[in-house]
Amino acid sequence: MESTEDCGTLTFPAEVDLGNAAAILGQAAALLDSGVPALIIDLSDCAFCDSSGLNVVLRSQMRATELGVPMWVVLPSRGVVRRISEIAGLQRRVAIAPDLATAREALAPARP
């Protein structure tokens, strides 16, 4: 979890499942509640993410929307997590970027 004056970034661990999803959601909520102007959830290093992890992303998006905070998810173009996300239709619910630089660039106009 990292926060700058421009953006909060939450990096998912290598594996996300029922055992750690609640803690990760708590981190996302803490970032959002701290007043970050934008949020990036980075799944670049996540090799496994079950429905609990996808739930973290969706609930974070719902909270970000409530607060008026733009949010992007970094999701590499290949891999198991990408495939699971596509099957679940995640790209229809959240903004997806292939890498961190692209997500930060997309958020740049949203910054005050």
N, C-alpha and C. Protein backbone atom coordinates (compact mmCIF):
# COMPACT_ATOMS: atom_id res chain seq x y z
N MET A 1 0.86 -1.17 0.00
CA MET A 1 0.00 0.00 0.00
C MET A 1 0.90 1.23 0.00
N GLU A 2 0.63 2.13 -0.92
CA GLU A 2 1.42 3.35 -1.05
C GLU A 2 0.48 4.51 -1.31
N SER A 3 0.80 5.64 -0.73
CA SER A 3 -0.03 6.81 -0.94
C SER A 3 0.86 8.02 -1.18
N THR A 4 0.55 8.76 -2.24
CA THR A 4 1.22 10.01 -2.53
C THR A 4 0.15 11.09 -2.59
N GLU A 5 0.55 12.32 -2.82
CA GLU A 5 -0.46 13.38 -2.91
C GLU A 5 -1.32 13.23 -4.16
N ASP A 6 -0.85 12.46 -5.14
CA ASP A 6 -1.59 12.28 -6.40
C ASP A 6 -2.48 11.05 -6.44
N CYS A 7 -2.06 9.99 -5.72
CA CYS A 7 -2.74 8.71 -5.91
C CYS A 7 -2.39 7.72 -4.80
N GLY A 8 -3.34 6.86 -4.49
CA GLY A 8 -3.06 5.73 -3.62
C GLY A 8 -2.92 4.49 -4.49
N THR A 9 -1.97 3.63 -4.16
CA THR A 9 -1.77 2.40 -4.92
C THR A 9 -1.79 1.22 -3.96
N LEU A 10 -2.64 0.26 -4.26
CA LEU A 10 -2.72 -0.97 -3.49
C LEU A 10 -2.24 -2.10 -4.38
N THR A 11 -1.15 -2.75 -3.99
CA THR A 11 -0.59 -3.85 -4.76
C THR A 11 -1.04 -5.18 -4.15
N PHE A 12 -1.71 -5.98 -4.94
CA PHE A 12 -2.15 -7.30 -4.48
C PHE A 12 -0.93 -8.21 -4.31
N PRO A 13 -0.95 -9.10 -3.32
CA PRO A 13 0.13 -10.08 -3.17
C PRO A 13 0.05 -11.15 -4.26
N ALA A 14 0.97 -12.09 -4.24
CA ALA A 14 1.03 -13.14 -5.27
C ALA A 14 -0.24 -13.98 -5.31
N GLU A 15 -0.86 -14.19 -4.15
CA GLU A 15 -2.10 -14.97 -4.11
C GLU A 15 -3.14 -14.23 -3.26
N VAL A 16 -4.36 -14.20 -3.78
CA VAL A 16 -5.46 -13.59 -3.05
C VAL A 16 -6.60 -14.61 -3.01
N ASP A 17 -7.04 -14.90 -1.79
CA ASP A 17 -8.15 -15.83 -1.62
C ASP A 17 -8.91 -15.46 -0.35
N LEU A 18 -9.79 -16.32 0.07
CA LEU A 18 -10.62 -16.04 1.24
C LEU A 18 -9.78 -15.75 2.48
N GLY A 19 -8.59 -16.33 2.55
CA GLY A 19 -7.73 -16.16 3.72
C GLY A 19 -7.18 -14.75 3.92
N ASN A 20 -6.99 -14.01 2.83
CA ASN A 20 -6.40 -12.66 2.97
C ASN A 20 -7.23 -11.55 2.32
N ALA A 21 -8.34 -11.89 1.71
CA ALA A 21 -9.14 -10.88 1.00
C ALA A 21 -9.68 -9.80 1.94
N ALA A 22 -10.12 -10.16 3.12
CA ALA A 22 -10.67 -9.16 4.04
C ALA A 22 -9.61 -8.14 4.44
N ALA A 23 -8.40 -8.60 4.67
CA ALA A 23 -7.32 -7.68 5.03
C ALA A 23 -6.99 -6.74 3.87
N ILE A 24 -7.00 -7.26 2.66
CA ILE A 24 -6.72 -6.44 1.49
C ILE A 24 -7.83 -5.41 1.28
N LEU A 25 -9.08 -5.83 1.47
CA LEU A 25 -10.19 -4.89 1.37
C LEU A 25 -10.06 -3.80 2.43
N GLY A 26 -9.61 -4.16 3.60
CA GLY A 26 -9.38 -3.16 4.65
C GLY A 26 -8.32 -2.15 4.25
N GLN A 27 -7.29 -2.60 3.56
CA GLN A 27 -6.25 -1.68 3.07
C GLN A 27 -6.82 -0.73 2.02
N ALA A 28 -7.63 -1.27 1.12
CA ALA A 28 -8.25 -0.42 0.09
C ALA A 28 -9.16 0.62 0.74
N ALA A 29 -9.95 0.19 1.71
CA ALA A 29 -10.84 1.11 2.41
C ALA A 29 -10.04 2.19 3.15
N ALA A 30 -8.93 1.80 3.76
CA ALA A 30 -8.10 2.77 4.47
C ALA A 30 -7.54 3.82 3.52
N LEU A 31 -7.10 3.38 2.35
CA LEU A 31 -6.60 4.33 1.36
C LEU A 31 -7.71 5.29 0.94
N LEU A 32 -8.86 4.74 0.60
CA LEU A 32 -9.97 5.58 0.14
C LEU A 32 -10.43 6.53 1.23
N ASP A 33 -10.53 6.03 2.44
CA ASP A 33 -11.00 6.87 3.55
C ASP A 33 -9.97 7.91 3.97
N SER A 34 -8.72 7.73 3.56
CA SER A 34 -7.68 8.71 3.90
C SER A 34 -7.76 9.95 3.01
N GLY A 35 -8.61 9.88 1.98
CA GLY A 35 -8.79 11.04 1.11
C GLY A 35 -7.92 11.07 -0.12
N VAL A 36 -7.41 9.92 -0.56
CA VAL A 36 -6.61 9.92 -1.78
C VAL A 36 -7.46 10.43 -2.95
N PRO A 37 -6.86 11.19 -3.86
CA PRO A 37 -7.62 11.73 -4.97
C PRO A 37 -7.90 10.70 -6.08
N ALA A 38 -7.17 9.59 -6.06
CA ALA A 38 -7.34 8.53 -7.06
C ALA A 38 -6.80 7.24 -6.45
N LEU A 39 -7.25 6.10 -6.98
CA LEU A 39 -6.80 4.80 -6.48
C LEU A 39 -6.44 3.89 -7.64
N ILE A 40 -5.31 3.23 -7.49
CA ILE A 40 -4.90 2.18 -8.43
C ILE A 40 -4.79 0.89 -7.64
N ILE A 41 -5.43 -0.16 -8.14
CA ILE A 41 -5.26 -1.49 -7.58
C ILE A 41 -4.40 -2.25 -8.57
N ASP A 42 -3.22 -2.64 -8.13
CA ASP A 42 -2.22 -3.26 -9.00
C ASP A 42 -2.18 -4.77 -8.81
N LEU A 43 -2.60 -5.49 -9.84
CA LEU A 43 -2.59 -6.95 -9.82
C LEU A 43 -1.42 -7.52 -10.63
N SER A 44 -0.44 -6.71 -10.94
CA SER A 44 0.69 -7.13 -11.78
C SER A 44 1.41 -8.36 -11.25
N ASP A 45 1.59 -8.43 -9.93
CA ASP A 45 2.36 -9.53 -9.34
C ASP A 45 1.46 -10.62 -8.78
N CYS A 46 0.18 -10.53 -9.02
CA CYS A 46 -0.78 -11.50 -8.50
C CYS A 46 -0.89 -12.67 -9.48
N ALA A 47 -0.48 -13.86 -9.02
CA ALA A 47 -0.51 -15.05 -9.87
C ALA A 47 -1.80 -15.85 -9.69
N PHE A 48 -2.48 -15.66 -8.56
CA PHE A 48 -3.74 -16.36 -8.30
C PHE A 48 -4.69 -15.42 -7.57
N CYS A 49 -5.92 -15.37 -8.06
CA CYS A 49 -6.93 -14.51 -7.46
C CYS A 49 -8.28 -15.20 -7.65
N ASP A 50 -8.87 -15.65 -6.55
CA ASP A 50 -10.18 -16.29 -6.69
C ASP A 50 -11.29 -15.23 -6.60
N SER A 51 -12.51 -15.68 -6.46
CA SER A 51 -13.63 -14.74 -6.44
C SER A 51 -13.55 -13.77 -5.26
N SER A 52 -12.88 -14.16 -4.18
CA SER A 52 -12.71 -13.24 -3.04
C SER A 52 -11.90 -12.02 -3.45
N GLY A 53 -10.88 -12.24 -4.26
CA GLY A 53 -10.05 -11.13 -4.74
C GLY A 53 -10.82 -10.23 -5.69
N LEU A 54 -11.60 -10.83 -6.57
CA LEU A 54 -12.41 -10.03 -7.48
C LEU A 54 -13.44 -9.22 -6.69
N ASN A 55 -13.95 -9.80 -5.62
CA ASN A 55 -14.89 -9.09 -4.75
C ASN A 55 -14.22 -7.87 -4.12
N VAL A 56 -12.95 -8.00 -3.75
CA VAL A 56 -12.21 -6.86 -3.21
C VAL A 56 -12.18 -5.72 -4.23
N VAL A 57 -11.88 -6.06 -5.46
CA VAL A 57 -11.81 -5.05 -6.52
C VAL A 57 -13.17 -4.38 -6.71
N LEU A 58 -14.22 -5.17 -6.79
CA LEU A 58 -15.55 -4.61 -7.02
C LEU A 58 -16.04 -3.77 -5.85
N ARG A 59 -15.81 -4.23 -4.64
CA ARG A 59 -16.23 -3.45 -3.47
C ARG A 59 -15.42 -2.16 -3.35
N SER A 60 -14.15 -2.24 -3.72
CA SER A 60 -13.32 -1.02 -3.72
C SER A 60 -13.85 -0.03 -4.75
N GLN A 61 -14.25 -0.54 -5.91
CA GLN A 61 -14.81 0.33 -6.95
C GLN A 61 -16.10 0.99 -6.47
N MET A 62 -16.93 0.22 -5.80
CA MET A 62 -18.19 0.79 -5.28
C MET A 62 -17.90 1.90 -4.28
N ARG A 63 -16.95 1.68 -3.38
CA ARG A 63 -16.60 2.71 -2.39
C ARG A 63 -15.97 3.92 -3.06
N ALA A 64 -15.09 3.68 -4.02
CA ALA A 64 -14.46 4.79 -4.74
C ALA A 64 -15.52 5.63 -5.45
N THR A 65 -16.50 4.98 -6.06
CA THR A 65 -17.58 5.69 -6.74
C THR A 65 -18.38 6.53 -5.75
N GLU A 66 -18.68 5.96 -4.58
CA GLU A 66 -19.40 6.71 -3.54
C GLU A 66 -18.65 7.98 -3.15
N LEU A 67 -17.33 7.88 -3.11
CA LEU A 67 -16.49 9.01 -2.69
C LEU A 67 -16.10 9.94 -3.84
N GLY A 68 -16.46 9.56 -5.07
CA GLY A 68 -16.08 10.36 -6.22
C GLY A 68 -14.60 10.25 -6.56
N VAL A 69 -14.00 9.11 -6.23
CA VAL A 69 -12.57 8.89 -6.47
C VAL A 69 -12.40 7.99 -7.69
N PRO A 70 -11.68 8.45 -8.71
CA PRO A 70 -11.44 7.59 -9.87
C PRO A 70 -10.55 6.41 -9.49
N MET A 71 -10.81 5.26 -10.09
CA MET A 71 -10.04 4.06 -9.78
C MET A 71 -9.71 3.29 -11.05
N TRP A 72 -8.50 2.80 -11.12
CA TRP A 72 -8.05 1.95 -12.22
C TRP A 72 -7.47 0.68 -11.63
N VAL A 73 -7.60 -0.41 -12.38
CA VAL A 73 -7.02 -1.70 -12.00
C VAL A 73 -5.95 -2.06 -13.01
N VAL A 74 -4.75 -2.34 -12.52
CA VAL A 74 -3.67 -2.79 -13.39
C VAL A 74 -3.78 -4.31 -13.50
N LEU A 75 -4.02 -4.76 -14.72
CA LEU A 75 -4.23 -6.18 -14.99
C LEU A 75 -3.44 -6.54 -16.24
N PRO A 76 -2.35 -7.29 -16.08
CA PRO A 76 -1.56 -7.66 -17.26
C PRO A 76 -2.42 -8.35 -18.32
N SER A 77 -1.99 -8.24 -19.56
CA SER A 77 -2.79 -8.75 -20.67
C SER A 77 -2.83 -10.27 -20.76
N ARG A 78 -1.97 -10.96 -20.02
CA ARG A 78 -1.95 -12.42 -20.05
C ARG A 78 -1.88 -12.97 -18.63
N GLY A 79 -2.23 -14.24 -18.51
CA GLY A 79 -2.10 -14.92 -17.23
C GLY A 79 -3.43 -15.39 -16.68
N VAL A 80 -3.34 -16.17 -15.62
CA VAL A 80 -4.52 -16.77 -15.01
C VAL A 80 -5.44 -15.70 -14.42
N VAL A 81 -4.87 -14.71 -13.76
CA VAL A 81 -5.70 -13.67 -13.14
C VAL A 81 -6.46 -12.90 -14.22
N ARG A 82 -5.82 -12.64 -15.33
CA ARG A 82 -6.50 -11.96 -16.45
C ARG A 82 -7.66 -12.80 -16.94
N ARG A 83 -7.42 -14.09 -17.10
CA ARG A 83 -8.45 -14.99 -17.62
C ARG A 83 -9.64 -15.07 -16.66
N ILE A 84 -9.36 -15.20 -15.37
CA ILE A 84 -10.43 -15.25 -14.38
C ILE A 84 -11.22 -13.94 -14.40
N SER A 85 -10.53 -12.84 -14.51
CA SER A 85 -11.18 -11.53 -14.55
C SER A 85 -12.07 -11.39 -15.78
N GLU A 86 -11.61 -11.90 -16.92
CA GLU A 86 -12.42 -11.84 -18.14
C GLU A 86 -13.66 -12.69 -18.01
N ILE A 87 -13.51 -13.89 -17.46
CA ILE A 87 -14.67 -14.78 -17.29
C ILE A 87 -15.70 -14.13 -16.37
N ALA A 88 -15.23 -13.47 -15.33
CA ALA A 88 -16.13 -12.81 -14.38
C ALA A 88 -16.69 -11.50 -14.91
N GLY A 89 -16.15 -10.99 -16.01
CA GLY A 89 -16.64 -9.74 -16.59
C GLY A 89 -16.15 -8.49 -15.87
N LEU A 90 -15.00 -8.60 -15.21
CA LEU A 90 -14.47 -7.47 -14.44
C LEU A 90 -14.28 -6.23 -15.30
N GLN A 91 -13.85 -6.39 -16.54
CA GLN A 91 -13.57 -5.25 -17.42
C GLN A 91 -14.83 -4.46 -17.75
N ARG A 92 -16.01 -5.03 -17.51
CA ARG A 92 -17.25 -4.29 -17.72
C ARG A 92 -17.60 -3.41 -16.52
N ARG A 93 -16.93 -3.63 -15.40
CA ARG A 93 -17.26 -2.91 -14.16
C ARG A 93 -16.20 -1.92 -13.72
N VAL A 94 -14.94 -2.15 -14.11
CA VAL A 94 -13.85 -1.28 -13.66
C VAL A 94 -12.96 -0.91 -14.84
N ALA A 95 -12.25 0.20 -14.68
CA ALA A 95 -11.29 0.61 -15.71
C ALA A 95 -10.04 -0.25 -15.57
N ILE A 96 -9.58 -0.80 -16.68
CA ILE A 96 -8.44 -1.71 -16.70
C ILE A 96 -7.29 -1.07 -17.47
N ALA A 97 -6.09 -1.19 -16.91
CA ALA A 97 -4.87 -0.74 -17.58
C ALA A 97 -3.89 -1.92 -17.62
N PRO A 98 -3.06 -2.01 -18.67
CA PRO A 98 -2.13 -3.14 -18.78
C PRO A 98 -0.90 -3.01 -17.88
N ASP A 99 -0.62 -1.80 -17.40
CA ASP A 99 0.54 -1.60 -16.54
C ASP A 99 0.33 -0.35 -15.68
N LEU A 100 1.21 -0.19 -14.70
CA LEU A 100 1.08 0.91 -13.75
C LEU A 100 1.24 2.27 -14.41
N ALA A 101 2.17 2.38 -15.35
CA ALA A 101 2.39 3.66 -16.03
C ALA A 101 1.14 4.11 -16.78
N THR A 102 0.48 3.18 -17.43
CA THR A 102 -0.74 3.51 -18.18
C THR A 102 -1.84 3.96 -17.23
N ALA A 103 -1.97 3.28 -16.09
CA ALA A 103 -2.99 3.67 -15.12
C ALA A 103 -2.72 5.06 -14.58
N ARG A 104 -1.48 5.34 -14.25
CA ARG A 104 -1.14 6.67 -13.74
C ARG A 104 -1.39 7.75 -14.80
N GLU A 105 -1.07 7.44 -16.03
CA GLU A 105 -1.31 8.39 -17.12
C GLU A 105 -2.81 8.65 -17.30
N ALA A 106 -3.60 7.58 -17.19
CA ALA A 106 -5.06 7.72 -17.35
C ALA A 106 -5.65 8.57 -16.23
N LEU A 107 -5.06 8.51 -15.06
CA LEU A 107 -5.57 9.28 -13.93
C LEU A 107 -5.09 10.71 -13.91
N ALA A 108 -4.05 11.03 -14.66
CA ALA A 108 -3.48 12.37 -14.65
C ALA A 108 -4.50 13.46 -14.89
N PRO A 109 -5.40 13.36 -15.87
CA PRO A 109 -6.38 14.43 -16.07
C PRO A 109 -7.37 14.56 -14.92
N ALA A 110 -7.56 13.50 -14.15
CA ALA A 110 -8.52 13.52 -13.05
C ALA A 110 -7.96 14.20 -11.82
N ARG A 111 -6.68 14.43 -11.79
CA ARG A 111 -6.06 15.06 -10.63
C ARG A 111 -6.32 16.55 -10.63
N PRO A 112 -6.52 17.11 -9.43
CA PRO A 112 -6.77 18.56 -9.35
C PRO A 112 -5.55 19.38 -9.69
